[in-house]
Amino acid sequence: MIACACGAKWTGTGRCHCGSCHKLYSGLTAFDAHRKGGECLLPGDAGLVKGEDGVWRSPSDPDAAPWWEGRQ
């Protein structure tokens, strides 16, 4: 379990928690999408969607599906 002083907690080393806006992103691509010119964009304005797990991600992110989908 990883935690931030803001109270957010998450698991998974691929997740990115922004120390400025304190939102959790599915990875570097989603994190980078929300940062423009050194500022945080609202995730929806950056084209990101919030998953059922509360993590912001690209709508086409393969991690957006439940872990058991598409796995053999």
N, C-alpha and C. Protein backbone atom coordinates (compact mmCIF):
# COMPACT_ATOMS: atom_id res chain seq x y z
N MET A 1 0.84 -1.17 0.00
CA MET A 1 0.00 0.00 0.00
C MET A 1 0.89 1.24 0.00
N ILE A 2 0.59 2.16 -0.86
CA ILE A 2 1.30 3.43 -0.93
C ILE A 2 0.33 4.50 -0.49
N ALA A 3 0.80 5.51 0.22
CA ALA A 3 -0.08 6.55 0.73
C ALA A 3 0.56 7.92 0.57
N CYS A 4 -0.29 8.92 0.47
CA CYS A 4 0.14 10.32 0.40
C CYS A 4 -0.37 11.03 1.65
N ALA A 5 0.27 12.10 2.03
CA ALA A 5 -0.16 12.88 3.20
C ALA A 5 -1.57 13.43 3.02
N CYS A 6 -2.07 13.49 1.77
CA CYS A 6 -3.43 13.99 1.52
C CYS A 6 -4.48 12.97 1.94
N GLY A 7 -4.05 11.74 2.24
CA GLY A 7 -4.98 10.69 2.65
C GLY A 7 -5.24 9.66 1.58
N ALA A 8 -4.81 9.92 0.35
CA ALA A 8 -5.00 8.95 -0.74
C ALA A 8 -4.12 7.73 -0.50
N LYS A 9 -4.68 6.55 -0.82
CA LYS A 9 -3.94 5.29 -0.72
C LYS A 9 -4.18 4.49 -1.98
N TRP A 10 -3.14 3.79 -2.44
CA TRP A 10 -3.27 2.98 -3.64
C TRP A 10 -2.24 1.87 -3.63
N THR A 11 -2.46 0.91 -4.52
CA THR A 11 -1.50 -0.16 -4.74
C THR A 11 -1.12 -0.15 -6.21
N GLY A 12 -0.02 -0.75 -6.53
CA GLY A 12 0.42 -0.82 -7.92
C GLY A 12 1.50 0.19 -8.21
N THR A 13 2.64 -0.31 -8.67
CA THR A 13 3.77 0.57 -8.91
C THR A 13 3.60 1.39 -10.18
N GLY A 14 2.65 1.04 -11.04
CA GLY A 14 2.44 1.80 -12.27
C GLY A 14 1.56 3.03 -12.08
N ARG A 15 0.91 3.16 -10.96
CA ARG A 15 0.03 4.29 -10.70
C ARG A 15 0.85 5.55 -10.49
N CYS A 16 0.26 6.70 -10.83
CA CYS A 16 0.91 7.99 -10.62
C CYS A 16 -0.03 8.89 -9.83
N HIS A 17 0.41 9.34 -8.69
CA HIS A 17 -0.36 10.25 -7.85
C HIS A 17 0.26 11.63 -7.99
N CYS A 18 -0.55 12.61 -8.35
CA CYS A 18 -0.04 13.96 -8.54
C CYS A 18 0.08 14.65 -7.19
N GLY A 19 1.25 15.13 -6.88
CA GLY A 19 1.50 15.82 -5.63
C GLY A 19 0.92 17.22 -5.59
N SER A 20 0.40 17.70 -6.73
CA SER A 20 -0.19 19.02 -6.78
C SER A 20 -1.72 18.97 -6.65
N CYS A 21 -2.36 18.20 -7.52
CA CYS A 21 -3.84 18.11 -7.50
C CYS A 21 -4.34 16.91 -6.70
N HIS A 22 -3.44 16.01 -6.34
CA HIS A 22 -3.72 14.83 -5.52
C HIS A 22 -4.75 13.89 -6.14
N LYS A 23 -4.74 13.79 -7.48
CA LYS A 23 -5.56 12.80 -8.16
C LYS A 23 -4.66 11.63 -8.56
N LEU A 24 -5.27 10.46 -8.71
CA LEU A 24 -4.53 9.25 -9.02
C LEU A 24 -4.74 8.90 -10.48
N TYR A 25 -3.64 8.62 -11.19
CA TYR A 25 -3.67 8.31 -12.62
C TYR A 25 -3.17 6.90 -12.86
N SER A 26 -3.65 6.31 -13.95
CA SER A 26 -3.34 4.91 -14.24
C SER A 26 -1.88 4.68 -14.60
N GLY A 27 -1.18 5.70 -15.01
CA GLY A 27 0.23 5.58 -15.37
C GLY A 27 0.78 6.90 -15.86
N LEU A 28 1.99 6.86 -16.38
CA LEU A 28 2.64 8.09 -16.83
C LEU A 28 1.92 8.78 -17.97
N THR A 29 1.35 8.03 -18.89
CA THR A 29 0.66 8.64 -20.03
C THR A 29 -0.51 9.48 -19.56
N ALA A 30 -1.33 8.93 -18.67
CA ALA A 30 -2.48 9.67 -18.15
C ALA A 30 -2.01 10.85 -17.29
N PHE A 31 -0.99 10.62 -16.49
CA PHE A 31 -0.44 11.70 -15.66
C PHE A 31 0.05 12.85 -16.54
N ASP A 32 0.84 12.51 -17.56
CA ASP A 32 1.38 13.54 -18.46
C ASP A 32 0.26 14.28 -19.19
N ALA A 33 -0.83 13.59 -19.52
CA ALA A 33 -1.94 14.23 -20.22
C ALA A 33 -2.58 15.33 -19.38
N HIS A 34 -2.56 15.18 -18.06
CA HIS A 34 -3.21 16.18 -17.21
C HIS A 34 -2.30 17.36 -16.87
N ARG A 35 -1.03 17.30 -17.27
CA ARG A 35 -0.10 18.39 -16.98
C ARG A 35 0.26 19.13 -18.26
N LYS A 36 -0.05 20.40 -18.30
CA LYS A 36 0.29 21.25 -19.45
C LYS A 36 0.90 22.54 -18.94
N GLY A 37 2.08 22.85 -19.41
CA GLY A 37 2.74 24.09 -19.02
C GLY A 37 3.00 24.19 -17.53
N GLY A 38 3.27 23.06 -16.89
CA GLY A 38 3.55 23.06 -15.47
C GLY A 38 2.32 23.20 -14.59
N GLU A 39 1.14 23.11 -15.18
CA GLU A 39 -0.12 23.24 -14.44
C GLU A 39 -0.94 21.96 -14.58
N CYS A 40 -1.79 21.72 -13.62
CA CYS A 40 -2.71 20.59 -13.69
C CYS A 40 -3.98 21.00 -14.42
N LEU A 41 -4.37 20.19 -15.39
CA LEU A 41 -5.68 20.35 -16.02
C LEU A 41 -6.67 19.49 -15.26
N LEU A 42 -7.94 19.84 -15.33
CA LEU A 42 -8.95 18.93 -14.82
C LEU A 42 -8.88 17.68 -15.67
N PRO A 43 -8.89 16.50 -15.06
CA PRO A 43 -8.72 15.27 -15.83
C PRO A 43 -9.70 15.14 -17.00
N GLY A 44 -10.96 15.52 -16.82
CA GLY A 44 -11.94 15.45 -17.90
C GLY A 44 -11.57 16.38 -19.05
N ASP A 45 -10.99 17.54 -18.74
CA ASP A 45 -10.55 18.47 -19.78
C ASP A 45 -9.35 17.92 -20.54
N ALA A 46 -8.63 16.99 -19.94
CA ALA A 46 -7.47 16.35 -20.58
C ALA A 46 -7.89 15.10 -21.36
N GLY A 47 -9.21 14.82 -21.41
CA GLY A 47 -9.70 13.66 -22.15
C GLY A 47 -9.64 12.37 -21.37
N LEU A 48 -9.45 12.46 -20.06
CA LEU A 48 -9.36 11.26 -19.22
C LEU A 48 -10.73 10.92 -18.64
N VAL A 49 -10.89 9.67 -18.29
CA VAL A 49 -12.13 9.21 -17.66
C VAL A 49 -11.79 8.57 -16.33
N LYS A 50 -12.72 8.65 -15.40
CA LYS A 50 -12.50 8.07 -14.07
C LYS A 50 -13.08 6.67 -14.03
N GLY A 51 -12.24 5.70 -13.71
CA GLY A 51 -12.68 4.32 -13.61
C GLY A 51 -13.47 4.08 -12.34
N GLU A 52 -14.10 2.93 -12.27
CA GLU A 52 -14.87 2.57 -11.09
C GLU A 52 -14.00 2.51 -9.84
N ASP A 53 -12.69 2.32 -10.04
CA ASP A 53 -11.75 2.27 -8.92
C ASP A 53 -11.27 3.65 -8.50
N GLY A 54 -11.77 4.71 -9.16
CA GLY A 54 -11.40 6.07 -8.81
C GLY A 54 -10.13 6.56 -9.48
N VAL A 55 -9.55 5.76 -10.36
CA VAL A 55 -8.30 6.10 -11.04
C VAL A 55 -8.62 6.74 -12.39
N TRP A 56 -7.97 7.86 -12.67
CA TRP A 56 -8.15 8.55 -13.95
C TRP A 56 -7.29 7.89 -15.01
N ARG A 57 -7.84 7.68 -16.21
CA ARG A 57 -7.13 6.98 -17.28
C ARG A 57 -7.67 7.42 -18.63
N SER A 58 -6.92 7.08 -19.66
CA SER A 58 -7.37 7.30 -21.03
C SER A 58 -8.53 6.34 -21.31
N PRO A 59 -9.53 6.78 -22.08
CA PRO A 59 -10.63 5.86 -22.39
C PRO A 59 -10.17 4.59 -23.10
N SER A 60 -9.04 4.65 -23.79
CA SER A 60 -8.54 3.49 -24.52
C SER A 60 -7.49 2.71 -23.73
N ASP A 61 -7.29 3.05 -22.46
CA ASP A 61 -6.29 2.40 -21.62
C ASP A 61 -6.69 0.93 -21.39
N PRO A 62 -5.83 -0.02 -21.75
CA PRO A 62 -6.18 -1.42 -21.54
C PRO A 62 -6.38 -1.76 -20.06
N ASP A 63 -5.81 -0.96 -19.17
CA ASP A 63 -5.99 -1.19 -17.75
C ASP A 63 -7.36 -0.72 -17.25
N ALA A 64 -8.14 -0.08 -18.14
CA ALA A 64 -9.46 0.39 -17.74
C ALA A 64 -10.43 -0.77 -17.56
N ALA A 65 -10.19 -1.86 -18.25
CA ALA A 65 -11.06 -3.03 -18.12
C ALA A 65 -10.71 -3.77 -16.83
N PRO A 66 -11.66 -4.48 -16.26
CA PRO A 66 -11.32 -5.29 -15.09
C PRO A 66 -10.18 -6.24 -15.42
N TRP A 67 -9.36 -6.56 -14.44
CA TRP A 67 -8.13 -7.33 -14.68
C TRP A 67 -8.38 -8.67 -15.33
N TRP A 68 -9.56 -9.25 -15.13
CA TRP A 68 -9.79 -10.59 -15.67
C TRP A 68 -10.23 -10.57 -17.14
N GLU A 69 -10.64 -9.43 -17.69
CA GLU A 69 -11.08 -9.38 -19.08
C GLU A 69 -9.88 -9.44 -20.02
N GLY A 70 -9.98 -10.23 -21.04
CA GLY A 70 -8.94 -10.31 -22.06
C GLY A 70 -7.72 -11.10 -21.65
N ARG A 71 -7.77 -11.74 -20.51
CA ARG A 71 -6.62 -12.53 -20.05
C ARG A 71 -6.98 -14.01 -20.19
N GLN A 72 -6.04 -14.78 -20.63
CA GLN A 72 -6.26 -16.23 -20.80
C GLN A 72 -5.69 -16.98 -19.63
